Amino acid sequence: MVSPTASPALVEPRRPPTVAAVHSALAEVADPEIPVVSIVDLGLVARAAVDPTDGSIHVTLLPTFVGCPALDVIRAAVEERLAAFDRPVRVDFSFAPPWTSDRITTRGRERLRRSGFAPPSPAPAADAPTLIQLAPPASVSCPHCSSRRTVLENAFGPTQCRSIHHCTGCRQPFEAFKPV
């Protein structure tokens, strides 16, 4: 603690946060629509940087879909969490590179499954050949009982990135992330 009578020359300027500290703080920001998973585990954080001259923080996030209704809420949550660093914060959204469901971490996939959401299957590789499907695509696994005997009830879930399914094994409805 600096005494009130200390000379200004002896006051040490506060150090800017590290990128690792910013990233750790972002890992505490929950997705507003699925609060069991963080924006880091969903793969929304494309970049976190700290300006070495003034310590300002710049975060670039990747929306899951164009027109995601939660963007303003996510921006506000990030700004609120990073305000603890007492530095200017700028949060931008970008679609380059585009978010894909492959960005969801292993931890995020497990948290989704435990909370009743079927995590997306891996997206096909960009250079993979397009195959004509003679049979319906494989069903997603039920997050409740792991059965693959599931039925797509509605391709349009509560948000653009989710769909509604029903398990014929345990008879439970569930939401699934669409692979993108």
N, C-alpha and C. Protein backbone atom coordinates (compact mmCIF):
# COMPACT_ATOMS: atom_id res chain seq x y z
N MET A 1 0.85 -1.17 0.00
CA MET A 1 0.00 0.00 0.00
C MET A 1 0.90 1.24 0.00
N VAL A 2 0.55 2.20 -0.79
CA VAL A 2 1.32 3.44 -0.90
C VAL A 2 0.74 4.44 0.09
N SER A 3 1.64 5.09 0.85
CA SER A 3 1.15 6.07 1.82
C SER A 3 0.70 7.32 1.08
N PRO A 4 -0.25 8.07 1.65
CA PRO A 4 -0.74 9.27 0.99
C PRO A 4 0.33 10.33 0.83
N THR A 5 1.40 10.22 1.59
CA THR A 5 2.46 11.23 1.50
C THR A 5 3.61 10.78 0.60
N ALA A 6 3.50 9.62 -0.02
CA ALA A 6 4.57 9.12 -0.88
C ALA A 6 4.74 10.02 -2.09
N SER A 7 5.94 10.15 -2.50
CA SER A 7 6.21 10.99 -3.67
C SER A 7 5.72 10.28 -4.92
N PRO A 8 5.19 11.01 -5.92
CA PRO A 8 4.70 10.39 -7.13
C PRO A 8 5.76 9.57 -7.84
N ALA A 9 7.02 9.90 -7.70
CA ALA A 9 8.09 9.15 -8.36
C ALA A 9 8.22 7.75 -7.78
N LEU A 10 7.75 7.54 -6.55
CA LEU A 10 7.87 6.22 -5.92
C LEU A 10 6.67 5.32 -6.17
N VAL A 11 5.60 5.85 -6.78
CA VAL A 11 4.40 5.06 -7.03
C VAL A 11 4.63 4.20 -8.26
N GLU A 12 4.53 2.90 -8.08
CA GLU A 12 4.74 1.98 -9.20
C GLU A 12 3.45 1.90 -10.03
N PRO A 13 3.56 2.07 -11.34
CA PRO A 13 2.35 1.95 -12.16
C PRO A 13 1.84 0.51 -12.13
N ARG A 14 0.54 0.37 -12.18
CA ARG A 14 -0.03 -0.98 -12.15
C ARG A 14 0.29 -1.69 -13.46
N ARG A 15 0.51 -2.95 -13.35
CA ARG A 15 0.88 -3.75 -14.51
C ARG A 15 -0.37 -4.18 -15.27
N PRO A 16 -0.26 -4.21 -16.58
CA PRO A 16 -1.41 -4.69 -17.35
C PRO A 16 -1.59 -6.19 -17.13
N PRO A 17 -2.79 -6.71 -17.34
CA PRO A 17 -3.00 -8.15 -17.18
C PRO A 17 -2.27 -8.91 -18.28
N THR A 18 -2.00 -10.15 -18.03
CA THR A 18 -1.42 -11.01 -19.06
C THR A 18 -2.55 -11.56 -19.93
N VAL A 19 -2.20 -12.01 -21.11
CA VAL A 19 -3.20 -12.64 -21.99
C VAL A 19 -3.76 -13.89 -21.31
N ALA A 20 -2.91 -14.61 -20.60
CA ALA A 20 -3.38 -15.81 -19.88
C ALA A 20 -4.42 -15.45 -18.83
N ALA A 21 -4.21 -14.33 -18.12
CA ALA A 21 -5.19 -13.90 -17.11
C ALA A 21 -6.50 -13.50 -17.77
N VAL A 22 -6.42 -12.83 -18.90
CA VAL A 22 -7.64 -12.46 -19.63
C VAL A 22 -8.37 -13.71 -20.09
N HIS A 23 -7.62 -14.67 -20.62
CA HIS A 23 -8.24 -15.92 -21.10
C HIS A 23 -8.90 -16.67 -19.94
N SER A 24 -8.25 -16.70 -18.78
CA SER A 24 -8.85 -17.34 -17.60
C SER A 24 -10.14 -16.65 -17.18
N ALA A 25 -10.14 -15.32 -17.25
CA ALA A 25 -11.35 -14.58 -16.91
C ALA A 25 -12.46 -14.88 -17.91
N LEU A 26 -12.12 -14.98 -19.19
CA LEU A 26 -13.13 -15.29 -20.21
C LEU A 26 -13.71 -16.69 -20.01
N ALA A 27 -12.91 -17.60 -19.46
CA ALA A 27 -13.40 -18.96 -19.20
C ALA A 27 -14.47 -18.98 -18.12
N GLU A 28 -14.63 -17.87 -17.40
CA GLU A 28 -15.67 -17.76 -16.38
C GLU A 28 -16.95 -17.14 -16.91
N VAL A 29 -16.94 -16.71 -18.17
CA VAL A 29 -18.13 -16.09 -18.77
C VAL A 29 -19.00 -17.19 -19.36
N ALA A 30 -20.16 -17.38 -18.80
CA ALA A 30 -21.07 -18.44 -19.24
C ALA A 30 -21.82 -18.01 -20.50
N ASP A 31 -22.12 -18.98 -21.34
CA ASP A 31 -22.98 -18.71 -22.48
C ASP A 31 -24.36 -18.36 -21.92
N PRO A 32 -24.99 -17.28 -22.38
CA PRO A 32 -26.27 -16.88 -21.79
C PRO A 32 -27.42 -17.85 -22.07
N GLU A 33 -27.33 -18.62 -23.13
CA GLU A 33 -28.41 -19.55 -23.45
C GLU A 33 -28.18 -20.93 -22.84
N ILE A 34 -26.92 -21.28 -22.61
CA ILE A 34 -26.58 -22.57 -22.00
C ILE A 34 -25.53 -22.29 -20.93
N PRO A 35 -25.93 -21.85 -19.75
CA PRO A 35 -24.98 -21.39 -18.75
C PRO A 35 -24.05 -22.44 -18.17
N VAL A 36 -24.23 -23.71 -18.49
CA VAL A 36 -23.32 -24.74 -17.98
C VAL A 36 -22.00 -24.77 -18.75
N VAL A 37 -21.92 -24.02 -19.83
CA VAL A 37 -20.71 -24.02 -20.65
C VAL A 37 -20.25 -22.58 -20.87
N SER A 38 -18.94 -22.38 -20.84
CA SER A 38 -18.40 -21.03 -21.00
C SER A 38 -18.22 -20.69 -22.47
N ILE A 39 -18.01 -19.40 -22.75
CA ILE A 39 -17.77 -18.99 -24.12
C ILE A 39 -16.44 -19.52 -24.63
N VAL A 40 -15.50 -19.78 -23.72
CA VAL A 40 -14.23 -20.40 -24.12
C VAL A 40 -14.47 -21.84 -24.53
N ASP A 41 -15.22 -22.59 -23.72
CA ASP A 41 -15.49 -24.00 -24.05
C ASP A 41 -16.36 -24.16 -25.29
N LEU A 42 -17.17 -23.14 -25.61
CA LEU A 42 -17.93 -23.20 -26.86
C LEU A 42 -17.08 -22.80 -28.06
N GLY A 43 -15.89 -22.32 -27.81
CA GLY A 43 -15.00 -21.94 -28.90
C GLY A 43 -15.32 -20.59 -29.50
N LEU A 44 -15.98 -19.72 -28.74
CA LEU A 44 -16.33 -18.40 -29.26
C LEU A 44 -15.17 -17.42 -29.25
N VAL A 45 -14.17 -17.65 -28.40
CA VAL A 45 -13.06 -16.71 -28.28
C VAL A 45 -12.04 -16.98 -29.38
N ALA A 46 -11.97 -16.05 -30.32
CA ALA A 46 -11.00 -16.19 -31.42
C ALA A 46 -9.66 -15.60 -31.02
N ARG A 47 -9.70 -14.50 -30.25
CA ARG A 47 -8.46 -13.80 -29.92
C ARG A 47 -8.66 -12.96 -28.67
N ALA A 48 -7.66 -12.97 -27.83
CA ALA A 48 -7.62 -12.08 -26.67
C ALA A 48 -6.23 -11.45 -26.67
N ALA A 49 -6.18 -10.14 -26.59
CA ALA A 49 -4.89 -9.44 -26.63
C ALA A 49 -4.88 -8.31 -25.61
N VAL A 50 -3.67 -8.01 -25.14
CA VAL A 50 -3.46 -6.90 -24.22
C VAL A 50 -2.44 -5.97 -24.87
N ASP A 51 -2.81 -4.72 -25.02
CA ASP A 51 -1.91 -3.73 -25.62
C ASP A 51 -0.77 -3.45 -24.63
N PRO A 52 0.47 -3.65 -25.05
CA PRO A 52 1.59 -3.46 -24.11
C PRO A 52 1.82 -2.01 -23.71
N THR A 53 1.32 -1.06 -24.47
CA THR A 53 1.55 0.35 -24.14
C THR A 53 0.59 0.88 -23.09
N ASP A 54 -0.69 0.55 -23.22
CA ASP A 54 -1.66 1.10 -22.27
C ASP A 54 -2.42 0.03 -21.49
N GLY A 55 -2.17 -1.25 -21.78
CA GLY A 55 -2.84 -2.33 -21.05
C GLY A 55 -4.28 -2.56 -21.44
N SER A 56 -4.75 -1.88 -22.49
CA SER A 56 -6.14 -2.09 -22.90
C SER A 56 -6.31 -3.52 -23.42
N ILE A 57 -7.51 -4.03 -23.28
CA ILE A 57 -7.82 -5.42 -23.62
C ILE A 57 -8.72 -5.43 -24.84
N HIS A 58 -8.38 -6.28 -25.80
CA HIS A 58 -9.18 -6.43 -27.01
C HIS A 58 -9.51 -7.91 -27.18
N VAL A 59 -10.80 -8.19 -27.28
CA VAL A 59 -11.27 -9.57 -27.44
C VAL A 59 -12.07 -9.66 -28.74
N THR A 60 -11.78 -10.69 -29.52
CA THR A 60 -12.55 -10.96 -30.73
C THR A 60 -13.29 -12.28 -30.53
N LEU A 61 -14.60 -12.24 -30.73
CA LEU A 61 -15.45 -13.42 -30.55
C LEU A 61 -16.04 -13.85 -31.88
N LEU A 62 -16.27 -15.15 -32.01
CA LEU A 62 -16.87 -15.72 -33.21
C LEU A 62 -18.30 -16.14 -32.89
N PRO A 63 -19.31 -15.47 -33.44
CA PRO A 63 -20.69 -15.91 -33.22
C PRO A 63 -20.93 -17.28 -33.86
N THR A 64 -21.80 -18.06 -33.24
CA THR A 64 -22.10 -19.38 -33.80
C THR A 64 -22.88 -19.27 -35.10
N PHE A 65 -23.76 -18.28 -35.19
CA PHE A 65 -24.56 -18.07 -36.38
C PHE A 65 -24.74 -16.58 -36.62
N VAL A 66 -24.91 -16.20 -37.87
CA VAL A 66 -25.23 -14.82 -38.20
C VAL A 66 -26.60 -14.50 -37.58
N GLY A 67 -26.70 -13.39 -36.94
CA GLY A 67 -27.98 -13.00 -36.34
C GLY A 67 -28.23 -13.63 -34.99
N CYS A 68 -27.22 -14.19 -34.36
CA CYS A 68 -27.41 -14.78 -33.02
C CYS A 68 -27.98 -13.71 -32.09
N PRO A 69 -29.11 -13.98 -31.45
CA PRO A 69 -29.75 -12.95 -30.61
C PRO A 69 -29.02 -12.67 -29.30
N ALA A 70 -28.03 -13.49 -28.96
CA ALA A 70 -27.36 -13.33 -27.66
C ALA A 70 -26.10 -12.49 -27.74
N LEU A 71 -25.75 -11.93 -28.90
CA LEU A 71 -24.48 -11.22 -29.04
C LEU A 71 -24.33 -10.04 -28.08
N ASP A 72 -25.37 -9.23 -27.93
CA ASP A 72 -25.27 -8.09 -27.02
C ASP A 72 -25.11 -8.54 -25.57
N VAL A 73 -25.77 -9.62 -25.21
CA VAL A 73 -25.67 -10.15 -23.85
C VAL A 73 -24.26 -10.70 -23.61
N ILE A 74 -23.71 -11.40 -24.61
CA ILE A 74 -22.36 -11.94 -24.48
C ILE A 74 -21.35 -10.80 -24.37
N ARG A 75 -21.48 -9.79 -25.21
CA ARG A 75 -20.56 -8.64 -25.16
C ARG A 75 -20.59 -8.00 -23.77
N ALA A 76 -21.79 -7.78 -23.24
CA ALA A 76 -21.92 -7.15 -21.93
C ALA A 76 -21.31 -8.02 -20.83
N ALA A 77 -21.49 -9.33 -20.92
CA ALA A 77 -20.93 -10.23 -19.91
C ALA A 77 -19.40 -10.23 -19.96
N VAL A 78 -18.84 -10.19 -21.16
CA VAL A 78 -17.38 -10.13 -21.30
C VAL A 78 -16.86 -8.81 -20.75
N GLU A 79 -17.49 -7.71 -21.12
CA GLU A 79 -17.06 -6.40 -20.62
C GLU A 79 -17.15 -6.33 -19.10
N GLU A 80 -18.23 -6.87 -18.55
CA GLU A 80 -18.40 -6.85 -17.10
C GLU A 80 -17.32 -7.68 -16.40
N ARG A 81 -17.03 -8.87 -16.94
CA ARG A 81 -16.01 -9.73 -16.31
C ARG A 81 -14.63 -9.10 -16.41
N LEU A 82 -14.29 -8.52 -17.55
CA LEU A 82 -12.96 -7.96 -17.75
C LEU A 82 -12.80 -6.59 -17.09
N ALA A 83 -13.88 -5.98 -16.64
CA ALA A 83 -13.80 -4.69 -15.94
C ALA A 83 -12.97 -4.82 -14.66
N ALA A 84 -12.86 -6.02 -14.13
CA ALA A 84 -12.07 -6.25 -12.92
C ALA A 84 -10.60 -5.90 -13.13
N PHE A 85 -10.13 -5.91 -14.36
CA PHE A 85 -8.74 -5.55 -14.65
C PHE A 85 -8.53 -4.03 -14.66
N ASP A 86 -9.61 -3.28 -14.59
CA ASP A 86 -9.55 -1.82 -14.56
C ASP A 86 -8.76 -1.25 -15.74
N ARG A 87 -9.05 -1.79 -16.90
CA ARG A 87 -8.43 -1.35 -18.15
C ARG A 87 -9.51 -1.16 -19.19
N PRO A 88 -9.28 -0.34 -20.22
CA PRO A 88 -10.26 -0.24 -21.30
C PRO A 88 -10.43 -1.61 -21.98
N VAL A 89 -11.68 -1.94 -22.30
CA VAL A 89 -11.99 -3.23 -22.93
C VAL A 89 -12.75 -2.98 -24.23
N ARG A 90 -12.33 -3.65 -25.28
CA ARG A 90 -13.06 -3.60 -26.55
C ARG A 90 -13.39 -5.04 -26.95
N VAL A 91 -14.66 -5.27 -27.27
CA VAL A 91 -15.12 -6.59 -27.69
C VAL A 91 -15.69 -6.46 -29.09
N ASP A 92 -15.14 -7.22 -30.01
CA ASP A 92 -15.61 -7.24 -31.39
C ASP A 92 -16.08 -8.64 -31.75
N PHE A 93 -16.94 -8.70 -32.76
CA PHE A 93 -17.37 -9.98 -33.31
C PHE A 93 -16.84 -10.08 -34.74
N SER A 94 -16.48 -11.29 -35.13
CA SER A 94 -15.94 -11.51 -36.46
C SER A 94 -16.47 -12.84 -36.99
N PHE A 95 -16.55 -12.92 -38.29
CA PHE A 95 -16.93 -14.19 -38.93
C PHE A 95 -15.75 -14.76 -39.71
N ALA A 96 -14.55 -14.23 -39.46
CA ALA A 96 -13.36 -14.72 -40.13
C ALA A 96 -12.31 -15.05 -39.08
N PRO A 97 -12.02 -16.29 -38.85
CA PRO A 97 -12.59 -17.45 -39.50
C PRO A 97 -13.99 -17.71 -38.96
N PRO A 98 -14.80 -18.41 -39.70
CA PRO A 98 -16.15 -18.70 -39.19
C PRO A 98 -16.09 -19.72 -38.05
N TRP A 99 -17.00 -19.55 -37.11
CA TRP A 99 -17.11 -20.52 -36.02
C TRP A 99 -17.61 -21.84 -36.60
N THR A 100 -17.07 -22.94 -36.10
CA THR A 100 -17.60 -24.27 -36.43
C THR A 100 -17.78 -25.04 -35.13
N SER A 101 -18.60 -26.04 -35.17
CA SER A 101 -18.84 -26.84 -33.97
C SER A 101 -17.60 -27.62 -33.55
N ASP A 102 -16.61 -27.73 -34.41
CA ASP A 102 -15.35 -28.38 -34.03
C ASP A 102 -14.57 -27.54 -33.02
N ARG A 103 -14.91 -26.27 -32.85
CA ARG A 103 -14.23 -25.41 -31.89
C ARG A 103 -14.65 -25.70 -30.45
N ILE A 104 -15.74 -26.43 -30.25
CA ILE A 104 -16.19 -26.75 -28.90
C ILE A 104 -15.16 -27.69 -28.27
N THR A 105 -14.69 -27.34 -27.08
CA THR A 105 -13.66 -28.14 -26.41
C THR A 105 -14.24 -29.46 -25.91
N THR A 106 -13.34 -30.38 -25.58
CA THR A 106 -13.75 -31.66 -25.00
C THR A 106 -14.52 -31.42 -23.71
N ARG A 107 -14.04 -30.49 -22.91
CA ARG A 107 -14.74 -30.14 -21.66
C ARG A 107 -16.13 -29.59 -21.96
N GLY A 108 -16.22 -28.72 -22.97
CA GLY A 108 -17.51 -28.15 -23.36
C GLY A 108 -18.48 -29.22 -23.83
N ARG A 109 -17.99 -30.16 -24.61
CA ARG A 109 -18.85 -31.26 -25.10
C ARG A 109 -19.38 -32.10 -23.94
N GLU A 110 -18.51 -32.37 -22.97
CA GLU A 110 -18.93 -33.16 -21.82
C GLU A 110 -19.95 -32.39 -20.98
N ARG A 111 -19.73 -31.10 -20.79
CA ARG A 111 -20.69 -30.31 -20.01
C ARG A 111 -22.04 -30.21 -20.72
N LEU A 112 -22.01 -30.10 -22.04
CA LEU A 112 -23.26 -30.09 -22.80
C LEU A 112 -24.00 -31.41 -22.60
N ARG A 113 -23.27 -32.51 -22.76
CA ARG A 113 -23.89 -33.83 -22.63
C ARG A 113 -24.48 -34.02 -21.23
N ARG A 114 -23.73 -33.66 -20.19
CA ARG A 114 -24.21 -33.84 -18.82
C ARG A 114 -25.43 -32.98 -18.52
N SER A 115 -25.59 -31.88 -19.25
CA SER A 115 -26.73 -31.01 -18.98
C SER A 115 -27.93 -31.33 -19.87
N GLY A 116 -27.83 -32.38 -20.69
CA GLY A 116 -28.97 -32.81 -21.50
C GLY A 116 -28.94 -32.34 -22.94
N PHE A 117 -27.84 -31.74 -23.39
CA PHE A 117 -27.68 -31.34 -24.79
C PHE A 117 -26.78 -32.35 -25.49
N ALA A 118 -27.17 -32.74 -26.68
CA ALA A 118 -26.30 -33.61 -27.47
C ALA A 118 -25.27 -32.73 -28.16
N PRO A 119 -23.99 -32.94 -27.86
CA PRO A 119 -22.98 -32.16 -28.56
C PRO A 119 -22.97 -32.53 -30.03
N PRO A 120 -22.51 -31.64 -30.89
CA PRO A 120 -22.51 -31.94 -32.32
C PRO A 120 -21.46 -32.99 -32.66
N SER A 121 -21.76 -33.76 -33.69
CA SER A 121 -20.73 -34.67 -34.20
C SER A 121 -19.72 -33.81 -34.94
N PRO A 122 -18.52 -34.33 -35.14
CA PRO A 122 -17.52 -33.51 -35.85
C PRO A 122 -18.03 -33.12 -37.24
N ALA A 123 -17.73 -31.89 -37.61
CA ALA A 123 -18.11 -31.41 -38.94
C ALA A 123 -17.24 -32.09 -39.98
N PRO A 124 -17.78 -32.33 -41.19
CA PRO A 124 -16.95 -32.94 -42.21
C PRO A 124 -15.81 -32.01 -42.60
N ALA A 125 -14.68 -32.61 -42.96
CA ALA A 125 -13.53 -31.82 -43.38
C ALA A 125 -13.88 -31.02 -44.63
N ALA A 126 -13.33 -29.83 -44.72
CA ALA A 126 -13.64 -28.95 -45.85
C ALA A 126 -13.25 -29.57 -47.18
N ASP A 127 -12.21 -30.38 -47.17
CA ASP A 127 -11.76 -30.98 -48.42
C ASP A 127 -12.33 -32.39 -48.64
N ALA A 128 -13.24 -32.83 -47.77
CA ALA A 128 -13.83 -34.15 -47.91
C ALA A 128 -14.80 -34.16 -49.09
N PRO A 129 -14.85 -35.27 -49.81
CA PRO A 129 -15.79 -35.33 -50.93
C PRO A 129 -17.23 -35.33 -50.42
N THR A 130 -18.12 -34.73 -51.18
CA THR A 130 -19.53 -34.71 -50.83
C THR A 130 -20.15 -36.02 -51.31
N LEU A 131 -20.73 -36.76 -50.39
CA LEU A 131 -21.34 -38.04 -50.73
C LEU A 131 -22.85 -37.90 -50.80
N ILE A 132 -23.44 -38.60 -51.72
CA ILE A 132 -24.90 -38.63 -51.82
C ILE A 132 -25.38 -39.65 -50.80
N GLN A 133 -26.27 -39.22 -49.91
CA GLN A 133 -26.77 -40.10 -48.87
C GLN A 133 -27.93 -40.94 -49.40
N LEU A 134 -27.80 -42.27 -49.32
CA LEU A 134 -28.88 -43.16 -49.72
C LEU A 134 -29.80 -43.48 -48.55
N ALA A 135 -29.33 -43.25 -47.37
CA ALA A 135 -30.12 -43.48 -46.16
C ALA A 135 -30.02 -42.22 -45.30
N PRO A 136 -30.96 -42.03 -44.39
CA PRO A 136 -30.87 -40.86 -43.52
C PRO A 136 -29.54 -40.86 -42.76
N PRO A 137 -28.99 -39.68 -42.47
CA PRO A 137 -27.73 -39.63 -41.71
C PRO A 137 -27.90 -40.26 -40.33
N ALA A 138 -26.79 -40.73 -39.80
CA ALA A 138 -26.82 -41.36 -38.48
C ALA A 138 -27.40 -40.40 -37.46
N SER A 139 -28.16 -40.94 -36.54
CA SER A 139 -28.77 -40.13 -35.49
C SER A 139 -27.72 -39.69 -34.50
N VAL A 140 -28.04 -38.64 -33.78
CA VAL A 140 -27.16 -38.18 -32.71
C VAL A 140 -27.39 -39.04 -31.48
N SER A 141 -26.39 -39.17 -30.65
CA SER A 141 -26.52 -39.96 -29.42
C SER A 141 -27.35 -39.20 -28.40
N CYS A 142 -28.18 -39.92 -27.70
CA CYS A 142 -28.99 -39.34 -26.64
C CYS A 142 -28.08 -38.95 -25.48
N PRO A 143 -28.17 -37.72 -24.98
CA PRO A 143 -27.32 -37.33 -23.86
C PRO A 143 -27.74 -37.97 -22.54
N HIS A 144 -28.93 -38.57 -22.50
CA HIS A 144 -29.43 -39.17 -21.26
C HIS A 144 -29.03 -40.64 -21.13
N CYS A 145 -29.13 -41.40 -22.24
CA CYS A 145 -28.86 -42.84 -22.16
C CYS A 145 -27.83 -43.33 -23.18
N SER A 146 -27.31 -42.44 -24.01
CA SER A 146 -26.30 -42.73 -25.03
C SER A 146 -26.82 -43.56 -26.20
N SER A 147 -28.10 -43.81 -26.27
CA SER A 147 -28.66 -44.57 -27.38
C SER A 147 -28.51 -43.78 -28.68
N ARG A 148 -28.30 -44.50 -29.79
CA ARG A 148 -28.26 -43.87 -31.10
C ARG A 148 -29.64 -43.97 -31.77
N ARG A 149 -30.60 -44.54 -31.07
CA ARG A 149 -31.96 -44.66 -31.61
C ARG A 149 -32.72 -43.37 -31.30
N THR A 150 -32.35 -42.32 -32.01
CA THR A 150 -32.98 -41.03 -31.81
C THR A 150 -33.61 -40.55 -33.10
N VAL A 151 -34.57 -39.68 -32.95
CA VAL A 151 -35.33 -39.19 -34.09
C VAL A 151 -35.28 -37.66 -34.08
N LEU A 152 -35.02 -37.07 -35.23
CA LEU A 152 -35.09 -35.62 -35.36
C LEU A 152 -36.56 -35.23 -35.36
N GLU A 153 -36.96 -34.46 -34.36
CA GLU A 153 -38.35 -34.01 -34.27
C GLU A 153 -38.54 -32.69 -35.01
N ASN A 154 -37.54 -31.79 -34.88
CA ASN A 154 -37.65 -30.48 -35.51
C ASN A 154 -36.25 -29.94 -35.75
N ALA A 155 -35.93 -29.61 -36.98
CA ALA A 155 -34.61 -29.06 -37.31
C ALA A 155 -34.44 -27.66 -36.74
N PHE A 156 -35.53 -27.05 -36.33
CA PHE A 156 -35.48 -25.68 -35.80
C PHE A 156 -35.74 -25.71 -34.31
N GLY A 157 -34.66 -25.60 -33.54
CA GLY A 157 -34.77 -25.57 -32.08
C GLY A 157 -35.00 -24.16 -31.59
N PRO A 158 -34.76 -23.92 -30.30
CA PRO A 158 -35.00 -22.59 -29.74
C PRO A 158 -34.03 -21.53 -30.27
N THR A 159 -32.91 -21.97 -30.82
CA THR A 159 -31.97 -21.05 -31.46
C THR A 159 -31.52 -21.67 -32.77
N GLN A 160 -30.86 -20.88 -33.61
CA GLN A 160 -30.44 -21.35 -34.93
C GLN A 160 -29.43 -22.49 -34.85
N CYS A 161 -28.71 -22.58 -33.77
CA CYS A 161 -27.65 -23.58 -33.68
C CYS A 161 -28.10 -24.90 -33.06
N ARG A 162 -29.39 -25.05 -32.74
CA ARG A 162 -29.86 -26.27 -32.08
C ARG A 162 -31.09 -26.84 -32.78
N SER A 163 -31.28 -28.14 -32.61
CA SER A 163 -32.45 -28.83 -33.14
C SER A 163 -33.06 -29.68 -32.02
N ILE A 164 -34.30 -30.13 -32.23
CA ILE A 164 -35.02 -30.91 -31.22
C ILE A 164 -35.06 -32.38 -31.67
N HIS A 165 -34.72 -33.28 -30.74
CA HIS A 165 -34.70 -34.72 -31.01
C HIS A 165 -35.50 -35.46 -29.94
N HIS A 166 -35.76 -36.72 -30.22
CA HIS A 166 -36.46 -37.60 -29.28
C HIS A 166 -35.75 -38.93 -29.28
N CYS A 167 -35.51 -39.49 -28.12
CA CYS A 167 -34.86 -40.79 -27.99
C CYS A 167 -35.92 -41.87 -27.89
N THR A 168 -35.84 -42.87 -28.75
CA THR A 168 -36.80 -43.98 -28.68
C THR A 168 -36.38 -45.00 -27.62
N GLY A 169 -35.14 -44.89 -27.12
CA GLY A 169 -34.67 -45.78 -26.07
C GLY A 169 -35.22 -45.39 -24.72
N CYS A 170 -34.90 -44.17 -24.27
CA CYS A 170 -35.34 -43.73 -22.94
C CYS A 170 -36.56 -42.82 -23.02
N ARG A 171 -37.00 -42.50 -24.23
CA ARG A 171 -38.21 -41.72 -24.50
C ARG A 171 -38.11 -40.26 -24.04
N GLN A 172 -36.89 -39.76 -23.93
CA GLN A 172 -36.68 -38.38 -23.50
C GLN A 172 -36.46 -37.47 -24.71
N PRO A 173 -37.05 -36.29 -24.69
CA PRO A 173 -36.71 -35.29 -25.71
C PRO A 173 -35.40 -34.62 -25.31
N PHE A 174 -34.68 -34.10 -26.28
CA PHE A 174 -33.46 -33.37 -25.99
C PHE A 174 -33.12 -32.45 -27.16
N GLU A 175 -32.27 -31.48 -26.86
CA GLU A 175 -31.77 -30.57 -27.89
C GLU A 175 -30.39 -31.05 -28.31
N ALA A 176 -30.08 -30.81 -29.57
CA ALA A 176 -28.74 -31.16 -30.09
C ALA A 176 -28.17 -29.96 -30.83
N PHE A 177 -26.88 -29.75 -30.66
CA PHE A 177 -26.19 -28.73 -31.44
C PHE A 177 -26.07 -29.24 -32.86
N LYS A 178 -26.31 -28.36 -33.80
CA LYS A 178 -26.14 -28.73 -35.21
C LYS A 178 -24.65 -28.70 -35.54
N PRO A 179 -24.16 -29.71 -36.25
CA PRO A 179 -22.76 -29.63 -36.67
C PRO A 179 -22.62 -28.58 -37.77
N VAL A 180 -21.69 -27.70 -37.61
CA VAL A 180 -21.47 -26.63 -38.58
C VAL A 180 -20.03 -26.69 -39.02
